[in-house]
Amino acid sequence: MSTIVLLHAHPDDEASGTSGTIRLAVDAGHRVVCVFATHGDHGTPPGDLREGETVVDRRRVEAEAAGRVLGTHRIAWLGYADSGMTGWEQNSHEQSFHVADTDEAAHRLATILDEEDADVLVGYDWHGGYGHPDHVKVHAVAHRAAELAARRPRLLENTMNRDQVRRMIEAAREAGTTGEEDWDPDGLGDDGNPMGTPEAEIHWHVDVQEVLATKRAALAAHASQEDVGWMLGMPTEQFAAMFGDEWFIEPGRAPGLTHGHPLG
């Protein structure tokens, strides 16, 4: 059995991006560790915060709850502040992940990799899927941490399949539904790049339909977040189409898409 460590930018990113892969790995007997780079400080402030409770407090509790849903064996935090979206003044805050020294952050992650004797490390693609400053930083920190670890882990990059999104939009347009068909996956994001990765550059496709109910429950654990409410509000078929597949790049692997879990 293997140990897989996943580095995510904020609490709830693990639920939307890799929770199916996590649950399948746990069910297969692998050890799974989820590391959050930031506390998610700039997430949606819930209206029911108790006296003295902060957004960070709530998001940490929600991350732990999602971890229990998924069967995650350990949750760890690198301790950085959320950098906010592209162009926010929080991008340059002295404690933000965006401006953190890459080697320092990578050493924090490498310490966890060494403690776990990790076999696999999961980060994000080169532009973090859609250009969010913290997601872009995850890519750099994961790659550097893999170099610093005592036993270099196999590296995977979570991404979105740009071609699949385009196919979904075209199908929605043909069906006459509204919403996604007006979204252009080839349009430029905040960082000047289209979202995700072309399918030809992706190596792993994980079908998570069999654990989709668990994925939905993991998302529901992050109920304070506005984006999560939008995701959970999707009709069942639409949710399955949007979240029933997870995608990974494996740097250095020969081209070609493999359908199956990277851990077997």
Protein backbone atom coordinates (compact mmCIF):
# COMPACT_ATOMS: atom_id res chain seq x y z
CA MET A 1 0.00 0.00 0.00
CA SER A 2 1.09 3.58 -0.67
CA THR A 3 0.97 6.89 1.18
CA ILE A 4 -0.39 9.80 -0.85
CA VAL A 5 -0.04 13.42 0.27
CA LEU A 6 -2.20 16.06 -1.39
CA LEU A 7 -1.40 19.77 -1.18
CA HIS A 8 -4.45 21.99 -1.59
CA ALA A 9 -4.62 25.77 -1.52
CA HIS A 10 -7.74 26.21 0.64
CA PRO A 11 -10.24 24.14 2.61
CA ASP A 12 -12.91 22.88 0.15
CA ASP A 13 -10.46 22.61 -2.79
CA GLU A 14 -9.88 19.00 -1.79
CA ALA A 15 -13.61 18.30 -1.91
CA SER A 16 -14.26 19.77 -5.35
CA GLY A 17 -11.04 18.67 -7.02
CA THR A 18 -9.82 15.36 -5.63
CA SER A 19 -12.27 13.94 -3.09
CA GLY A 20 -13.31 11.08 -5.36
CA THR A 21 -9.69 10.07 -5.89
CA ILE A 22 -9.11 10.35 -2.13
CA ARG A 23 -12.06 8.13 -1.27
CA LEU A 24 -11.11 5.50 -3.84
CA ALA A 25 -7.54 5.46 -2.47
CA VAL A 26 -8.79 5.07 1.10
CA ASP A 27 -11.14 2.27 0.06
CA ALA A 28 -8.21 0.50 -1.62
CA GLY A 29 -6.21 0.60 1.65
CA HIS A 30 -3.84 3.48 0.90
CA ARG A 31 -2.91 6.10 3.50
CA VAL A 32 -4.09 9.60 2.55
CA VAL A 33 -2.80 12.88 4.00
CA CYS A 34 -4.36 16.20 3.05
CA VAL A 35 -2.29 19.37 3.52
CA PHE A 36 -3.78 22.85 3.25
CA ALA A 37 -1.45 25.68 2.31
CA THR A 38 -3.74 28.39 3.70
CA HIS A 39 -6.50 28.73 6.25
CA GLY A 40 -9.00 30.02 3.68
CA ASP A 41 -9.20 33.37 5.46
CA HIS A 42 -11.00 35.13 2.62
CA GLY A 43 -13.75 32.60 2.12
CA THR A 44 -17.42 33.47 2.58
CA PRO A 45 -18.08 34.68 6.16
CA PRO A 46 -20.98 32.50 7.38
CA GLY A 47 -23.92 34.29 8.91
CA ASP A 48 -24.03 32.01 11.94
CA LEU A 49 -20.55 32.61 13.37
CA ARG A 50 -20.61 32.27 17.13
CA GLU A 51 -19.19 34.98 19.36
CA GLY A 52 -15.41 34.81 19.13
CA GLU A 53 -15.47 32.40 16.17
CA THR A 54 -13.64 33.46 13.00
CA VAL A 55 -13.92 32.39 9.37
CA VAL A 56 -10.64 30.52 9.83
CA ASP A 57 -12.03 28.67 12.86
CA ARG A 58 -15.08 27.58 10.89
CA ARG A 59 -13.13 26.51 7.83
CA ARG A 60 -10.75 24.39 9.89
CA VAL A 61 -13.70 22.63 11.51
CA GLU A 62 -15.26 22.08 8.10
CA ALA A 63 -12.01 20.67 6.71
CA GLU A 64 -11.85 18.18 9.57
CA ALA A 65 -15.47 17.19 8.94
CA ALA A 66 -14.81 16.66 5.23
CA GLY A 67 -11.77 14.59 6.15
CA ARG A 68 -13.92 12.30 8.26
CA VAL A 69 -16.36 11.88 5.36
CA LEU A 70 -13.51 10.93 3.04
CA GLY A 71 -11.62 8.77 5.52
CA THR A 72 -8.52 10.95 5.29
CA HIS A 73 -5.92 9.70 7.76
CA ARG A 74 -4.29 13.04 8.55
CA ILE A 75 -4.95 16.72 7.92
CA ALA A 76 -2.06 19.21 8.16
CA TRP A 77 -1.65 22.95 7.61
CA LEU A 78 1.31 24.87 6.21
CA GLY A 79 0.10 27.93 8.13
CA TYR A 80 -0.10 30.66 5.48
CA ALA A 81 -2.78 33.29 5.01
CA ASP A 82 -5.18 33.14 2.08
CA SER A 83 -3.94 35.47 -0.68
CA GLY A 84 -7.36 36.26 -2.12
CA MET A 85 -8.18 36.46 -5.81
CA THR A 86 -5.91 37.92 -8.49
CA GLY A 87 -5.38 41.64 -7.96
CA TRP A 88 -6.64 41.79 -4.37
CA GLU A 89 -4.52 43.78 -1.93
CA GLN A 90 -4.23 40.60 0.16
CA ASN A 91 -1.98 39.16 -2.57
CA SER A 92 0.92 41.14 -1.08
CA HIS A 93 0.15 40.61 2.61
CA GLU A 94 3.33 39.59 4.38
CA GLN A 95 1.80 36.33 5.62
CA SER A 96 0.06 35.38 2.38
CA PHE A 97 0.96 32.19 0.61
CA HIS A 98 1.39 34.08 -2.65
CA VAL A 99 4.41 36.05 -1.40
CA ALA A 100 5.85 33.29 0.79
CA ASP A 101 9.38 32.17 0.05
CA THR A 102 8.97 29.08 -2.11
CA ASP A 103 11.83 27.20 -0.46
CA GLU A 104 10.51 27.95 3.02
CA ALA A 105 7.03 26.71 2.14
CA ALA A 106 8.50 23.69 0.37
CA HIS A 107 10.55 22.80 3.43
CA ARG A 108 7.37 22.84 5.54
CA LEU A 109 5.74 20.45 3.08
CA ALA A 110 8.86 18.30 2.73
CA THR A 111 8.87 17.82 6.51
CA ILE A 112 5.41 16.27 6.21
CA LEU A 113 6.49 14.16 3.23
CA ASP A 114 9.40 12.82 5.29
CA GLU A 115 7.23 12.17 8.34
CA GLU A 116 4.89 10.16 6.15
CA ASP A 117 7.59 8.61 3.93
CA ALA A 118 5.23 9.62 1.13
CA ASP A 119 5.09 7.67 -2.10
CA VAL A 120 2.99 10.19 -4.02
CA LEU A 121 2.54 13.97 -3.84
CA VAL A 122 -0.37 15.71 -5.56
CA GLY A 123 -0.24 19.43 -6.40
CA TYR A 124 -1.79 21.51 -9.20
CA ASP A 125 -0.98 22.19 -12.85
CA TRP A 126 1.35 25.06 -13.78
CA HIS A 127 -1.31 27.79 -13.57
CA GLY A 128 -3.38 26.27 -10.77
CA GLY A 129 -6.27 25.39 -13.04
CA TYR A 130 -7.57 28.91 -13.39
CA GLY A 131 -4.84 31.28 -12.26
CA HIS A 132 -5.70 31.82 -8.59
CA PRO A 133 -2.51 33.11 -6.89
CA ASP A 134 -2.59 30.44 -4.16
CA HIS A 135 -3.22 27.66 -6.69
CA VAL A 136 -0.30 28.79 -8.83
CA LYS A 137 1.88 28.80 -5.71
CA VAL A 138 0.81 25.24 -4.87
CA HIS A 139 2.35 24.11 -8.16
CA ALA A 140 5.72 25.68 -7.37
CA VAL A 141 5.79 24.54 -3.75
CA ALA A 142 4.82 20.96 -4.57
CA HIS A 143 7.53 20.62 -7.20
CA ARG A 144 10.17 22.07 -4.90
CA ALA A 145 9.06 19.95 -1.92
CA ALA A 146 9.35 16.81 -4.04
CA GLU A 147 12.99 17.76 -4.71
CA LEU A 148 13.67 18.41 -1.03
CA ALA A 149 12.07 15.27 0.39
CA ALA A 150 14.41 12.58 1.65
CA ARG A 151 12.72 10.07 -0.64
CA ARG A 152 11.50 11.85 -3.74
CA PRO A 153 7.80 11.06 -4.20
CA ARG A 154 6.04 10.47 -7.47
CA LEU A 155 4.45 13.79 -8.47
CA LEU A 156 0.95 14.31 -9.85
CA GLU A 157 -0.80 17.56 -10.79
CA ASN A 158 -4.56 17.92 -10.39
CA THR A 159 -6.10 19.79 -13.31
CA MET A 160 -9.33 20.37 -15.22
CA ASN A 161 -9.91 18.87 -18.66
CA ARG A 162 -10.52 21.87 -20.91
CA ASP A 163 -11.77 19.73 -23.78
CA GLN A 164 -14.25 17.89 -21.59
CA VAL A 165 -15.66 21.19 -20.32
CA ARG A 166 -16.03 22.37 -23.90
CA ARG A 167 -17.89 19.14 -24.78
CA MET A 168 -20.21 19.62 -21.82
CA ILE A 169 -20.98 23.18 -22.85
CA GLU A 170 -21.71 22.12 -26.43
CA ALA A 171 -24.03 19.37 -25.17
CA ALA A 172 -25.84 21.85 -22.91
CA ARG A 173 -26.26 24.24 -25.81
CA GLU A 174 -27.68 21.50 -28.04
CA ALA A 175 -30.05 20.44 -25.26
CA GLY A 176 -31.29 24.00 -24.90
CA THR A 177 -30.39 24.29 -21.23
CA THR A 178 -29.07 27.52 -19.76
CA GLY A 179 -26.00 28.43 -17.76
CA GLU A 180 -22.81 26.58 -18.64
CA GLU A 181 -23.23 27.05 -22.39
CA ASP A 182 -22.36 30.73 -21.94
CA TRP A 183 -19.08 29.89 -20.19
CA ASP A 184 -16.05 29.79 -22.47
CA PRO A 185 -13.30 27.43 -21.20
CA ASP A 186 -11.01 28.87 -23.86
CA GLY A 187 -11.55 32.42 -22.62
CA LEU A 188 -8.70 34.04 -20.72
CA GLY A 189 -8.76 33.89 -16.93
CA ASP A 190 -7.31 36.41 -14.50
CA ASP A 191 -3.79 35.24 -15.32
CA GLY A 192 -4.32 35.50 -19.07
CA ASN A 193 -4.61 31.74 -19.65
CA PRO A 194 -7.55 29.48 -20.50
CA MET A 195 -8.77 27.24 -17.69
CA GLY A 196 -7.37 23.79 -17.10
CA THR A 197 -5.34 21.70 -19.52
CA PRO A 198 -5.99 20.26 -23.00
CA GLU A 199 -6.88 16.58 -22.81
CA ALA A 200 -3.84 15.64 -24.91
CA GLU A 201 -1.58 16.83 -22.08
CA ILE A 202 -3.39 14.91 -19.31
CA HIS A 203 -2.20 11.47 -18.20
CA TRP A 204 -4.81 10.17 -15.73
CA HIS A 205 -8.60 10.14 -15.80
CA VAL A 206 -10.26 8.91 -12.62
CA ASP A 207 -13.94 8.04 -12.92
CA VAL A 208 -15.39 8.79 -9.47
CA GLN A 209 -19.06 8.18 -10.23
CA GLU A 210 -19.19 5.27 -7.78
CA VAL A 211 -18.22 7.56 -4.89
CA LEU A 212 -20.07 10.64 -6.11
CA ALA A 213 -22.38 10.63 -3.09
CA THR A 214 -19.30 10.77 -0.86
CA LYS A 215 -17.91 13.63 -2.93
CA ARG A 216 -21.16 15.52 -2.50
CA ALA A 217 -21.06 14.88 1.26
CA ALA A 218 -17.48 16.15 1.46
CA LEU A 219 -18.53 19.33 -0.31
CA ALA A 220 -21.51 19.67 2.03
CA ALA A 221 -19.09 19.62 4.97
CA HIS A 222 -17.86 23.01 3.68
CA ALA A 223 -21.38 24.42 3.86
CA SER A 224 -20.31 27.93 4.88
CA GLN A 225 -18.87 28.65 1.44
CA GLU A 226 -20.94 30.33 -1.26
CA ASP A 227 -19.28 28.40 -4.10
CA VAL A 228 -20.10 25.12 -2.42
CA GLY A 229 -23.75 26.12 -2.24
CA TRP A 230 -23.71 26.75 -5.98
CA MET A 231 -22.15 23.34 -6.63
CA LEU A 232 -24.59 21.47 -4.41
CA GLY A 233 -27.49 23.33 -6.00
CA MET A 234 -26.82 21.70 -9.36
CA PRO A 235 -29.38 19.14 -10.58
CA THR A 236 -28.18 15.56 -10.01
CA GLU A 237 -27.29 14.87 -13.64
CA GLN A 238 -25.45 18.15 -14.00
CA PHE A 239 -23.49 17.56 -10.80
CA ALA A 240 -22.49 14.09 -12.01
CA ALA A 241 -21.32 15.49 -15.35
CA MET A 242 -19.33 18.29 -13.70
CA PHE A 243 -17.79 16.37 -10.79
CA GLY A 244 -17.83 12.71 -11.82
CA ASP A 245 -14.33 12.81 -13.32
CA GLU A 246 -10.99 13.88 -11.87
CA TRP A 247 -7.89 14.57 -13.94
CA PHE A 248 -4.15 14.48 -13.31
CA ILE A 249 -0.94 15.27 -15.14
CA GLU A 250 2.14 13.20 -14.30
CA PRO A 251 5.27 15.20 -15.21
CA GLY A 252 7.77 13.11 -17.15
CA ARG A 253 5.25 10.46 -18.15
CA ALA A 254 4.92 9.66 -21.84
CA PRO A 255 1.88 11.22 -23.56
CA GLY A 256 -1.36 9.29 -23.42
CA LEU A 257 -4.46 9.27 -21.26
CA THR A 258 -4.93 6.33 -18.89
CA HIS A 259 -8.37 5.64 -17.47
CA GLY A 260 -7.97 4.44 -13.90
CA HIS A 261 -6.67 5.41 -10.49
CA PRO A 262 -2.98 6.49 -10.46
CA LEU A 263 -2.40 4.20 -7.46
CA GLY A 264 -4.03 1.24 -9.15
